[in-house]
Amino acid sequence: GIVPEPLQILYGRFAVALGLVHLLIPFVFFPLFAVM
């Protein structure tokens, strides 16, 4: 009941940024973890 109808989340800047963040977090994590 948060929204009355489906939101247009897909096909926009937010969806692209979310997908890229999901892809790329490990690429920062592993160099960082190696240094730490």
PDB file of all heavy atoms in Angstrom:
ATOM      1  N   GLY A   1       0.788  -1.222   0.000  1.00  0.00           N
ATOM      2  CA  GLY A   1       0.000   0.000   0.000  1.00  0.00           C
ATOM      3  C   GLY A   1       0.817   1.266   0.000  1.00  0.00           C
ATOM      4  O   GLY A   1       0.278   2.356   0.196  1.00  0.00           O
ATOM      5  N   ILE A   2       2.127   1.154  -0.244  1.00  0.00           N
ATOM      6  CA  ILE A   2       2.981   2.349  -0.266  1.00  0.00           C
ATOM      7  C   ILE A   2       2.668   3.208  -1.481  1.00  0.00           C
ATOM      8  O   ILE A   2       2.665   4.443  -1.411  1.00  0.00           O
ATOM      9  CB  ILE A   2       4.468   1.938  -0.234  1.00  0.00           C
ATOM     10  CG1 ILE A   2       4.783   1.207   1.073  1.00  0.00           C
ATOM     11  CG2 ILE A   2       5.374   3.152  -0.405  1.00  0.00           C
ATOM     12  CD1 ILE A   2       6.208   0.730   1.175  1.00  0.00           C
ATOM     13  N   VAL A   3       2.401   2.582  -2.620  1.00  0.00           N
ATOM     14  CA  VAL A   3       2.048   3.311  -3.836  1.00  0.00           C
ATOM     15  C   VAL A   3       0.749   2.725  -4.390  1.00  0.00           C
ATOM     16  O   VAL A   3       0.506   1.519  -4.275  1.00  0.00           O
ATOM     17  CB  VAL A   3       3.174   3.228  -4.890  1.00  0.00           C
ATOM     18  CG1 VAL A   3       4.422   3.940  -4.399  1.00  0.00           C
ATOM     19  CG2 VAL A   3       3.502   1.781  -5.234  1.00  0.00           C
ATOM     20  N   PRO A   4      -0.088   3.541  -5.050  1.00  0.00           N
ATOM     21  CA  PRO A   4      -1.359   3.025  -5.567  1.00  0.00           C
ATOM     22  C   PRO A   4      -1.208   2.237  -6.855  1.00  0.00           C
ATOM     23  O   PRO A   4      -2.056   1.395  -7.179  1.00  0.00           O
ATOM     24  CB  PRO A   4      -2.189   4.292  -5.782  1.00  0.00           C
ATOM     25  CG  PRO A   4      -1.170   5.365  -6.011  1.00  0.00           C
ATOM     26  CD  PRO A   4       0.010   5.006  -5.163  1.00  0.00           C
ATOM     27  N   GLU A   5      -0.156   2.514  -7.612  1.00  0.00           N
ATOM     28  CA  GLU A   5       0.064   1.828  -8.886  1.00  0.00           C
ATOM     29  C   GLU A   5       1.560   1.646  -9.100  1.00  0.00           C
ATOM     30  O   GLU A   5       2.374   2.328  -8.465  1.00  0.00           O
ATOM     31  CB  GLU A   5      -0.545   2.631 -10.040  1.00  0.00           C
ATOM     32  CG  GLU A   5       0.026   4.016 -10.192  1.00  0.00           C
ATOM     33  CD  GLU A   5      -0.637   4.787 -11.308  1.00  0.00           C
ATOM     34  OE1 GLU A   5      -1.764   4.424 -11.694  1.00  0.00           O
ATOM     35  OE2 GLU A   5      -0.027   5.752 -11.798  1.00  0.00           O
ATOM     36  N   PRO A   6       1.938   0.708  -9.992  1.00  0.00           N
ATOM     37  CA  PRO A   6       3.370   0.437 -10.195  1.00  0.00           C
ATOM     38  C   PRO A   6       4.147   1.672 -10.634  1.00  0.00           C
ATOM     39  O   PRO A   6       3.648   2.497 -11.401  1.00  0.00           O
ATOM     40  CB  PRO A   6       3.372  -0.634 -11.299  1.00  0.00           C
ATOM     41  CG  PRO A   6       2.031  -1.290 -11.197  1.00  0.00           C
ATOM     42  CD  PRO A   6       1.087  -0.213 -10.768  1.00  0.00           C
ATOM     43  N   LEU A   7       5.356   1.790 -10.123  1.00  0.00           N
ATOM     44  CA  LEU A   7       6.239   2.897 -10.479  1.00  0.00           C
ATOM     45  C   LEU A   7       7.055   2.555 -11.714  1.00  0.00           C
ATOM     46  O   LEU A   7       7.312   1.383 -12.012  1.00  0.00           O
ATOM     47  CB  LEU A   7       7.187   3.206  -9.312  1.00  0.00           C
ATOM     48  CG  LEU A   7       6.554   3.602  -7.978  1.00  0.00           C
ATOM     49  CD1 LEU A   7       7.639   3.734  -6.919  1.00  0.00           C
ATOM     50  CD2 LEU A   7       5.770   4.894  -8.115  1.00  0.00           C
ATOM     51  N   GLN A   8       7.485   3.587 -12.425  1.00  0.00           N
ATOM     52  CA  GLN A   8       8.372   3.400 -13.565  1.00  0.00           C
ATOM     53  C   GLN A   8       9.821   3.485 -13.060  1.00  0.00           C
ATOM     54  O   GLN A   8      10.449   4.540 -13.088  1.00  0.00           O
ATOM     55  CB  GLN A   8       8.108   4.456 -14.637  1.00  0.00           C
ATOM     56  CG  GLN A   8       8.967   4.299 -15.883  1.00  0.00           C
ATOM     57  CD  GLN A   8       8.775   2.963 -16.569  1.00  0.00           C
ATOM     58  OE1 GLN A   8       7.646   2.533 -16.809  1.00  0.00           O
ATOM     59  NE2 GLN A   8       9.868   2.274 -16.879  1.00  0.00           N
ATOM     60  N   ILE A   9      10.306   2.363 -12.546  1.00  0.00           N
ATOM     61  CA  ILE A   9      11.662   2.320 -11.994  1.00  0.00           C
ATOM     62  C   ILE A   9      12.668   1.957 -13.072  1.00  0.00           C
ATOM     63  O   ILE A   9      13.778   2.499 -13.125  1.00  0.00           O
ATOM     64  CB  ILE A   9      11.742   1.300 -10.841  1.00  0.00           C
ATOM     65  CG1 ILE A   9      10.665   1.593  -9.792  1.00  0.00           C
ATOM     66  CG2 ILE A   9      13.119   1.320 -10.196  1.00  0.00           C
ATOM     67  CD1 ILE A   9      10.592   0.563  -8.686  1.00  0.00           C
ATOM     68  N   LEU A  10      12.269   1.040 -13.935  1.00  0.00           N
ATOM     69  CA  LEU A  10      13.170   0.541 -14.971  1.00  0.00           C
ATOM     70  C   LEU A  10      13.306   1.564 -16.100  1.00  0.00           C
ATOM     71  O   LEU A  10      12.476   2.462 -16.248  1.00  0.00           O
ATOM     72  CB  LEU A  10      12.621  -0.778 -15.507  1.00  0.00           C
ATOM     73  CG  LEU A  10      13.594  -1.768 -16.171  1.00  0.00           C
ATOM     74  CD1 LEU A  10      14.701  -2.149 -15.204  1.00  0.00           C
ATOM     75  CD2 LEU A  10      12.822  -3.004 -16.621  1.00  0.00           C
ATOM     76  N   TYR A  11      14.383   1.412 -16.869  1.00  0.00           N
ATOM     77  CA  TYR A  11      14.632   2.233 -18.060  1.00  0.00           C
ATOM     78  C   TYR A  11      14.807   3.709 -17.700  1.00  0.00           C
ATOM     79  O   TYR A  11      14.027   4.575 -18.117  1.00  0.00           O
ATOM     80  CB  TYR A  11      13.518   2.050 -19.099  1.00  0.00           C
ATOM     81  CG  TYR A  11      13.270   0.612 -19.443  1.00  0.00           C
ATOM     82  CD1 TYR A  11      11.995   0.063 -19.383  1.00  0.00           C
ATOM     83  CD2 TYR A  11      14.334  -0.220 -19.815  1.00  0.00           C
ATOM     84  CE1 TYR A  11      11.770  -1.265 -19.681  1.00  0.00           C
ATOM     85  CE2 TYR A  11      14.126  -1.551 -20.111  1.00  0.00           C
ATOM     86  CZ  TYR A  11      12.841  -2.077 -20.041  1.00  0.00           C
ATOM     87  OH  TYR A  11      12.633  -3.401 -20.320  1.00  0.00           O
ATOM     88  N   GLY A  12      15.835   3.982 -16.922  1.00  0.00           N
ATOM     89  CA  GLY A  12      16.172   5.348 -16.550  1.00  0.00           C
ATOM     90  C   GLY A  12      17.502   5.386 -15.826  1.00  0.00           C
ATOM     91  O   GLY A  12      18.177   4.361 -15.654  1.00  0.00           O
ATOM     92  N   ARG A  13      17.907   6.576 -15.382  1.00  0.00           N
ATOM     93  CA  ARG A  13      19.201   6.762 -14.717  1.00  0.00           C
ATOM     94  C   ARG A  13      19.305   5.931 -13.446  1.00  0.00           C
ATOM     95  O   ARG A  13      20.353   5.334 -13.180  1.00  0.00           O
ATOM     96  CB  ARG A  13      19.375   8.251 -14.395  1.00  0.00           C
ATOM     97  CG  ARG A  13      20.572   8.614 -13.506  1.00  0.00           C
ATOM     98  CD  ARG A  13      21.901   8.283 -14.165  1.00  0.00           C
ATOM     99  NE  ARG A  13      22.155   9.097 -15.311  1.00  0.00           N
ATOM    100  CZ  ARG A  13      22.929  10.183 -15.319  1.00  0.00           C
ATOM    101  NH1 ARG A  13      23.507  10.591 -14.209  1.00  0.00           N
ATOM    102  NH2 ARG A  13      23.136  10.856 -16.430  1.00  0.00           N
ATOM    103  N   PHE A  14      18.229   5.864 -12.652  1.00  0.00           N
ATOM    104  CA  PHE A  14      18.296   5.127 -11.393  1.00  0.00           C
ATOM    105  C   PHE A  14      18.575   3.644 -11.642  1.00  0.00           C
ATOM    106  O   PHE A  14      19.427   3.048 -10.966  1.00  0.00           O
ATOM    107  CB  PHE A  14      16.983   5.281 -10.626  1.00  0.00           C
ATOM    108  CG  PHE A  14      16.905   4.435  -9.379  1.00  0.00           C
ATOM    109  CD1 PHE A  14      17.573   4.818  -8.224  1.00  0.00           C
ATOM    110  CD2 PHE A  14      16.199   3.238  -9.367  1.00  0.00           C
ATOM    111  CE1 PHE A  14      17.517   4.034  -7.076  1.00  0.00           C
ATOM    112  CE2 PHE A  14      16.134   2.451  -8.231  1.00  0.00           C
ATOM    113  CZ  PHE A  14      16.793   2.846  -7.080  1.00  0.00           C
ATOM    114  N   ALA A  15      17.875   3.033 -12.595  1.00  0.00           N
ATOM    115  CA  ALA A  15      18.063   1.605 -12.872  1.00  0.00           C
ATOM    116  C   ALA A  15      19.476   1.327 -13.378  1.00  0.00           C
ATOM    117  O   ALA A  15      20.114   0.342 -12.976  1.00  0.00           O
ATOM    118  CB  ALA A  15      17.030   1.124 -13.888  1.00  0.00           C
ATOM    119  N   VAL A  16      19.984   2.196 -14.247  1.00  0.00           N
ATOM    120  CA  VAL A  16      21.341   2.013 -14.772  1.00  0.00           C
ATOM    121  C   VAL A  16      22.368   2.141 -13.645  1.00  0.00           C
ATOM    122  O   VAL A  16      23.283   1.313 -13.525  1.00  0.00           O
ATOM    123  CB  VAL A  16      21.638   3.035 -15.888  1.00  0.00           C
ATOM    124  CG1 VAL A  16      23.101   2.970 -16.310  1.00  0.00           C
ATOM    125  CG2 VAL A  16      20.746   2.775 -17.096  1.00  0.00           C
ATOM    126  N   ALA A  17      22.223   3.177 -12.813  1.00  0.00           N
ATOM    127  CA  ALA A  17      23.163   3.371 -11.703  1.00  0.00           C
ATOM    128  C   ALA A  17      23.106   2.196 -10.738  1.00  0.00           C
ATOM    129  O   ALA A  17      24.150   1.706 -10.275  1.00  0.00           O
ATOM    130  CB  ALA A  17      22.852   4.680 -10.974  1.00  0.00           C
ATOM    131  N   LEU A  18      21.906   1.726 -10.437  1.00  0.00           N
ATOM    132  CA  LEU A  18      21.761   0.586  -9.528  1.00  0.00           C
ATOM    133  C   LEU A  18      22.422  -0.665 -10.101  1.00  0.00           C
ATOM    134  O   LEU A  18      23.140  -1.391  -9.394  1.00  0.00           O
ATOM    135  CB  LEU A  18      20.275   0.327  -9.266  1.00  0.00           C
ATOM    136  CG  LEU A  18      19.934  -0.713  -8.195  1.00  0.00           C
ATOM    137  CD1 LEU A  18      20.379  -0.220  -6.822  1.00  0.00           C
ATOM    138  CD2 LEU A  18      18.438  -1.011  -8.191  1.00  0.00           C
ATOM    139  N   GLY A  19      22.195  -0.920 -11.393  1.00  0.00           N
ATOM    140  CA  GLY A  19      22.813  -2.085 -12.026  1.00  0.00           C
ATOM    141  C   GLY A  19      24.327  -1.998 -12.048  1.00  0.00           C
ATOM    142  O   GLY A  19      25.023  -2.991 -11.817  1.00  0.00           O
ATOM    143  N   LEU A  20      24.870  -0.808 -12.311  1.00  0.00           N
ATOM    144  CA  LEU A  20      26.320  -0.644 -12.345  1.00  0.00           C
ATOM    145  C   LEU A  20      26.931  -0.766 -10.952  1.00  0.00           C
ATOM    146  O   LEU A  20      28.007  -1.363 -10.788  1.00  0.00           O
ATOM    147  CB  LEU A  20      26.674   0.713 -12.961  1.00  0.00           C
ATOM    148  CG  LEU A  20      26.444   0.848 -14.475  1.00  0.00           C
ATOM    149  CD1 LEU A  20      26.712   2.267 -14.932  1.00  0.00           C
ATOM    150  CD2 LEU A  20      27.323  -0.132 -15.246  1.00  0.00           C
ATOM    151  N   VAL A  21      26.264  -0.200  -9.944  1.00  0.00           N
ATOM    152  CA  VAL A  21      26.760  -0.342  -8.569  1.00  0.00           C
ATOM    153  C   VAL A  21      26.783  -1.816  -8.180  1.00  0.00           C
ATOM    154  O   VAL A  21      27.757  -2.304  -7.575  1.00  0.00           O
ATOM    155  CB  VAL A  21      25.880   0.470  -7.597  1.00  0.00           C
ATOM    156  CG1 VAL A  21      26.190   0.105  -6.144  1.00  0.00           C
ATOM    157  CG2 VAL A  21      26.099   1.966  -7.806  1.00  0.00           C
ATOM    158  N   HIS A  22      25.733  -2.536  -8.526  1.00  0.00           N
ATOM    159  CA  HIS A  22      25.683  -3.972  -8.234  1.00  0.00           C
ATOM    160  C   HIS A  22      26.813  -4.719  -8.912  1.00  0.00           C
ATOM    161  O   HIS A  22      27.400  -5.650  -8.345  1.00  0.00           O
ATOM    162  CB  HIS A  22      24.326  -4.520  -8.686  1.00  0.00           C
ATOM    163  CG  HIS A  22      24.145  -5.979  -8.427  1.00  0.00           C
ATOM    164  ND1 HIS A  22      24.308  -6.944  -9.408  1.00  0.00           N
ATOM    165  CD2 HIS A  22      23.826  -6.655  -7.298  1.00  0.00           C
ATOM    166  CE1 HIS A  22      24.087  -8.137  -8.883  1.00  0.00           C
ATOM    167  NE2 HIS A  22      23.791  -7.997  -7.615  1.00  0.00           N
ATOM    168  N   LEU A  23      27.161  -4.306 -10.120  1.00  0.00           N
ATOM    169  CA  LEU A  23      28.255  -4.959 -10.849  1.00  0.00           C
ATOM    170  C   LEU A  23      29.624  -4.628 -10.278  1.00  0.00           C
ATOM    171  O   LEU A  23      30.507  -5.497 -10.236  1.00  0.00           O
ATOM    172  CB  LEU A  23      28.221  -4.515 -12.312  1.00  0.00           C
ATOM    173  CG  LEU A  23      27.240  -5.176 -13.272  1.00  0.00           C
ATOM    174  CD1 LEU A  23      27.301  -4.473 -14.621  1.00  0.00           C
ATOM    175  CD2 LEU A  23      27.574  -6.651 -13.444  1.00  0.00           C
ATOM    176  N   LEU A  24      29.815  -3.396  -9.835  1.00  0.00           N
ATOM    177  CA  LEU A  24      31.167  -2.876  -9.637  1.00  0.00           C
ATOM    178  C   LEU A  24      31.631  -2.792  -8.191  1.00  0.00           C
ATOM    179  O   LEU A  24      32.810  -2.507  -7.954  1.00  0.00           O
ATOM    180  CB  LEU A  24      31.267  -1.490 -10.292  1.00  0.00           C
ATOM    181  CG  LEU A  24      31.028  -1.478 -11.814  1.00  0.00           C
ATOM    182  CD1 LEU A  24      31.021  -0.056 -12.337  1.00  0.00           C
ATOM    183  CD2 LEU A  24      32.080  -2.311 -12.522  1.00  0.00           C
ATOM    184  N   ILE A  25      30.760  -3.015  -7.215  1.00  0.00           N
ATOM    185  CA  ILE A  25      31.206  -2.987  -5.818  1.00  0.00           C
ATOM    186  C   ILE A  25      32.397  -3.920  -5.579  1.00  0.00           C
ATOM    187  O   ILE A  25      33.372  -3.528  -4.921  1.00  0.00           O
ATOM    188  CB  ILE A  25      30.037  -3.316  -4.866  1.00  0.00           C
ATOM    189  CG1 ILE A  25      29.090  -2.126  -4.759  1.00  0.00           C
ATOM    190  CG2 ILE A  25      30.549  -3.680  -3.473  1.00  0.00           C
ATOM    191  CD1 ILE A  25      27.861  -2.392  -3.910  1.00  0.00           C
ATOM    192  N   PRO A  26      32.389  -5.166  -6.090  1.00  0.00           N
ATOM    193  CA  PRO A  26      33.548  -6.039  -5.843  1.00  0.00           C
ATOM    194  C   PRO A  26      34.853  -5.496  -6.403  1.00  0.00           C
ATOM    195  O   PRO A  26      35.928  -5.808  -5.873  1.00  0.00           O
ATOM    196  CB  PRO A  26      33.151  -7.344  -6.547  1.00  0.00           C
ATOM    197  CG  PRO A  26      31.656  -7.332  -6.570  1.00  0.00           C
ATOM    198  CD  PRO A  26      31.293  -5.896  -6.758  1.00  0.00           C
ATOM    199  N   PHE A  27      34.796  -4.659  -7.445  1.00  0.00           N
ATOM    200  CA  PHE A  27      36.026  -4.134  -8.038  1.00  0.00           C
ATOM    201  C   PHE A  27      36.692  -3.107  -7.127  1.00  0.00           C
ATOM    202  O   PHE A  27      37.890  -2.835  -7.268  1.00  0.00           O
ATOM    203  CB  PHE A  27      35.722  -3.513  -9.406  1.00  0.00           C
ATOM    204  CG  PHE A  27      35.407  -4.514 -10.473  1.00  0.00           C
ATOM    205  CD1 PHE A  27      34.101  -4.910 -10.702  1.00  0.00           C
ATOM    206  CD2 PHE A  27      36.411  -5.077 -11.235  1.00  0.00           C
ATOM    207  CE1 PHE A  27      33.793  -5.840 -11.679  1.00  0.00           C
ATOM    208  CE2 PHE A  27      36.126  -6.001 -12.215  1.00  0.00           C
ATOM    209  CZ  PHE A  27      34.811  -6.395 -12.436  1.00  0.00           C
ATOM    210  N   VAL A  28      35.948  -2.490  -6.226  1.00  0.00           N
ATOM    211  CA  VAL A  28      36.562  -1.633  -5.206  1.00  0.00           C
ATOM    212  C   VAL A  28      36.905  -2.450  -3.970  1.00  0.00           C
ATOM    213  O   VAL A  28      37.948  -2.240  -3.345  1.00  0.00           O
ATOM    214  CB  VAL A  28      35.611  -0.480  -4.806  1.00  0.00           C
ATOM    215  CG1 VAL A  28      36.349   0.514  -3.921  1.00  0.00           C
ATOM    216  CG2 VAL A  28      35.071   0.227  -6.022  1.00  0.00           C
ATOM    217  N   PHE A  29      36.040  -3.380  -3.629  1.00  0.00           N
ATOM    218  CA  PHE A  29      36.205  -4.141  -2.388  1.00  0.00           C
ATOM    219  C   PHE A  29      37.515  -4.925  -2.369  1.00  0.00           C
ATOM    220  O   PHE A  29      38.268  -4.853  -1.374  1.00  0.00           O
ATOM    221  CB  PHE A  29      35.025  -5.100  -2.215  1.00  0.00           C
ATOM    222  CG  PHE A  29      35.201  -6.074  -1.088  1.00  0.00           C
ATOM    223  CD1 PHE A  29      34.892  -5.712   0.217  1.00  0.00           C
ATOM    224  CD2 PHE A  29      35.688  -7.359  -1.309  1.00  0.00           C
ATOM    225  CE1 PHE A  29      35.060  -6.601   1.266  1.00  0.00           C
ATOM    226  CE2 PHE A  29      35.866  -8.259  -0.276  1.00  0.00           C
ATOM    227  CZ  PHE A  29      35.554  -7.875   1.015  1.00  0.00           C
ATOM    228  N   PHE A  30      37.820  -5.660  -3.418  1.00  0.00           N
ATOM    229  CA  PHE A  30      38.980  -6.556  -3.364  1.00  0.00           C
ATOM    230  C   PHE A  30      40.318  -5.821  -3.336  1.00  0.00           C
ATOM    231  O   PHE A  30      41.204  -6.204  -2.562  1.00  0.00           O
ATOM    232  CB  PHE A  30      38.915  -7.573  -4.501  1.00  0.00           C
ATOM    233  CG  PHE A  30      37.932  -8.687  -4.227  1.00  0.00           C
ATOM    234  CD1 PHE A  30      36.715  -8.741  -4.882  1.00  0.00           C
ATOM    235  CD2 PHE A  30      38.223  -9.661  -3.293  1.00  0.00           C
ATOM    236  CE1 PHE A  30      35.808  -9.755  -4.616  1.00  0.00           C
ATOM    237  CE2 PHE A  30      37.322 -10.678  -3.013  1.00  0.00           C
ATOM    238  CZ  PHE A  30      36.109 -10.724  -3.672  1.00  0.00           C
ATOM    239  N   PRO A  31      40.553  -4.756  -4.133  1.00  0.00           N
ATOM    240  CA  PRO A  31      41.793  -3.996  -3.933  1.00  0.00           C
ATOM    241  C   PRO A  31      41.899  -3.393  -2.540  1.00  0.00           C
ATOM    242  O   PRO A  31      42.978  -3.384  -1.936  1.00  0.00           O
ATOM    243  CB  PRO A  31      41.706  -2.900  -5.007  1.00  0.00           C
ATOM    244  CG  PRO A  31      40.803  -3.437  -6.045  1.00  0.00           C
ATOM    245  CD  PRO A  31      39.802  -4.273  -5.315  1.00  0.00           C
ATOM    246  N   LEU A  32      40.776  -2.908  -2.014  1.00  0.00           N
ATOM    247  CA  LEU A  32      40.773  -2.353  -0.664  1.00  0.00           C
ATOM    248  C   LEU A  32      41.104  -3.413   0.375  1.00  0.00           C
ATOM    249  O   LEU A  32      41.937  -3.192   1.277  1.00  0.00           O
ATOM    250  CB  LEU A  32      39.385  -1.774  -0.366  1.00  0.00           C
ATOM    251  CG  LEU A  32      39.227  -0.259  -0.411  1.00  0.00           C
ATOM    252  CD1 LEU A  32      37.777   0.123  -0.187  1.00  0.00           C
ATOM    253  CD2 LEU A  32      40.127   0.402   0.606  1.00  0.00           C
ATOM    254  N   PHE A  33      40.455  -4.569   0.265  1.00  0.00           N
ATOM    255  CA  PHE A  33      40.678  -5.626   1.245  1.00  0.00           C
ATOM    256  C   PHE A  33      42.121  -6.105   1.206  1.00  0.00           C
ATOM    257  O   PHE A  33      42.718  -6.408   2.252  1.00  0.00           O
ATOM    258  CB  PHE A  33      39.721  -6.788   0.976  1.00  0.00           C
ATOM    259  CG  PHE A  33      39.809  -7.885   2.002  1.00  0.00           C
ATOM    260  CD1 PHE A  33      39.187  -7.754   3.236  1.00  0.00           C
ATOM    261  CD2 PHE A  33      40.519  -9.042   1.749  1.00  0.00           C
ATOM    262  CE1 PHE A  33      39.272  -8.753   4.186  1.00  0.00           C
ATOM    263  CE2 PHE A  33      40.617 -10.045   2.687  1.00  0.00           C
ATOM    264  CZ  PHE A  33      39.989  -9.899   3.916  1.00  0.00           C
ATOM    265  N   ALA A  34      42.700  -6.183  -0.003  1.00  0.00           N
ATOM    266  CA  ALA A  34      44.098  -6.611  -0.122  1.00  0.00           C
ATOM    267  C   ALA A  34      45.030  -5.643   0.601  1.00  0.00           C
ATOM    268  O   ALA A  34      45.971  -6.055   1.284  1.00  0.00           O
ATOM    269  CB  ALA A  34      44.480  -6.733  -1.594  1.00  0.00           C
ATOM    270  N   VAL A  35      44.777  -4.333   0.463  1.00  0.00           N
ATOM    271  CA  VAL A  35      45.610  -3.329   1.136  1.00  0.00           C
ATOM    272  C   VAL A  35      45.400  -3.385   2.647  1.00  0.00           C
ATOM    273  O   VAL A  35      46.355  -3.353   3.426  1.00  0.00           O
ATOM    274  CB  VAL A  35      45.294  -1.924   0.586  1.00  0.00           C
ATOM    275  CG1 VAL A  35      45.993  -0.858   1.421  1.00  0.00           C
ATOM    276  CG2 VAL A  35      45.724  -1.816  -0.869  1.00  0.00           C
ATOM    277  N   MET A  36      44.139  -3.493   3.065  1.00  0.00           N
ATOM    278  CA  MET A  36      43.847  -3.553   4.501  1.00  0.00           C
ATOM    279  C   MET A  36      44.446  -4.794   5.145  1.00  0.00           C
ATOM    280  O   MET A  36      44.895  -4.757   6.303  1.00  0.00           O
ATOM    281  CB  MET A  36      42.329  -3.539   4.724  1.00  0.00           C
ATOM    282  CG  MET A  36      41.657  -2.216   4.436  1.00  0.00           C
ATOM    283  SD  MET A  36      39.882  -2.276   4.801  1.00  0.00           S
ATOM    284  CE  MET A  36      39.383  -0.608   4.371  1.00  0.00           C
TER     285      MET A  36
END
